[in-house]
């Protein structure tokens, strides 16, 4: 279970660092889609993506930090 938390924490940090998947690229980058500038809620979508990336980074860092601290606290139990 400890290794799963470390892997999930690392994955969340990577997803927060590199952004959403390929399908959401046009939402976050209006230069890729010329019609994106005409959408009325583009700023709301960008804000939502930014908030989710920040939350993902915080949860990923929390999981990674405390899982590694637990692994180092109990040597010989891994």
Protein backbone atom coordinates (compact mmCIF):
# COMPACT_ATOMS: atom_id res chain seq x y z
CA UNK A 1 0.00 0.00 0.00
CA UNK A 2 2.91 2.30 0.71
CA UNK A 3 4.30 1.91 -2.80
CA UNK A 4 0.86 2.57 -4.29
CA UNK A 5 0.62 5.88 -2.42
CA UNK A 6 4.10 6.88 -3.60
CA UNK A 7 3.24 6.04 -7.22
CA UNK A 8 -0.13 7.82 -7.07
CA UNK A 9 1.45 10.89 -5.46
CA UNK A 10 4.15 11.01 -8.12
CA UNK A 11 1.54 10.57 -10.88
CA UNK A 12 -0.57 13.42 -9.49
CA UNK A 13 2.46 15.68 -9.37
CA UNK A 14 3.33 14.84 -12.97
CA UNK A 15 -0.23 15.43 -14.15
CA UNK A 16 -0.33 18.77 -12.35
CA UNK A 17 3.03 19.78 -13.81
CA UNK A 18 2.28 18.86 -17.41
CA UNK A 19 -1.37 19.83 -17.54
CA UNK A 20 -4.52 18.05 -18.62
CA UNK A 21 -4.71 15.39 -21.28
CA UNK A 22 -4.62 15.90 -25.02
CA UNK A 23 -8.40 16.25 -25.28
CA UNK A 24 -8.40 19.38 -23.14
CA UNK A 25 -5.56 21.09 -25.00
CA UNK A 26 -7.93 23.32 -26.97
CA UNK A 27 -9.65 24.54 -23.81
CA UNK A 28 -6.43 25.72 -22.20
CA UNK A 29 -4.70 27.07 -25.32
CA UNK A 30 -6.91 29.25 -27.54
CA UNK A 31 -4.14 29.56 -30.14
CA UNK A 32 -4.79 25.96 -31.18
CA UNK A 33 -8.49 26.61 -31.79
CA UNK A 34 -9.49 29.89 -33.48
CA UNK A 35 -13.10 29.43 -32.36
CA UNK A 36 -12.01 29.30 -28.70
CA UNK A 37 -11.81 33.09 -28.45
CA UNK A 38 -15.51 33.32 -29.30
CA UNK A 39 -16.54 31.01 -26.45
CA UNK A 40 -18.04 32.99 -23.57
CA UNK A 41 -16.84 30.72 -20.77
CA UNK A 42 -13.23 30.22 -21.79
CA UNK A 43 -11.88 32.09 -18.75
CA UNK A 44 -14.01 29.97 -16.42
CA UNK A 45 -12.66 26.80 -18.00
CA UNK A 46 -9.09 28.01 -17.68
CA UNK A 47 -9.67 28.92 -14.04
CA UNK A 48 -11.21 25.52 -13.35
CA UNK A 49 -8.26 23.74 -14.98
CA UNK A 50 -5.80 25.86 -13.01
CA UNK A 51 -7.57 25.18 -9.70
CA UNK A 52 -7.68 21.45 -10.40
CA UNK A 53 -3.98 21.43 -11.30
CA UNK A 54 -3.12 23.22 -8.04
CA UNK A 55 -5.27 20.83 -6.01
CA UNK A 56 -3.73 17.85 -7.79
CA UNK A 57 -0.25 19.13 -7.05
CA UNK A 58 -1.07 19.70 -3.39
CA UNK A 59 -2.60 16.23 -2.94
CA UNK A 60 0.24 14.59 -4.89
CA UNK A 61 2.90 16.36 -2.84
CA UNK A 62 1.09 15.46 0.38
CA UNK A 63 0.86 11.78 -0.59
CA UNK A 64 4.45 11.64 -1.76
CA UNK A 65 5.91 13.48 1.22
CA UNK A 66 4.11 11.54 3.94
CA UNK A 67 4.54 8.18 2.21
CA UNK A 68 8.28 8.71 1.88
CA UNK A 69 8.44 9.91 5.48
CA UNK A 70 6.60 6.76 6.57
CA UNK A 71 8.94 4.57 4.51
CA UNK A 72 11.98 6.21 6.09
CA UNK A 73 10.49 6.09 9.57
CA UNK A 74 10.05 2.32 9.51
CA UNK A 75 13.23 0.83 8.07
CA UNK A 76 13.05 -2.89 7.47
CA UNK A 77 9.28 -2.99 7.04
CA UNK A 78 9.27 -2.43 3.28
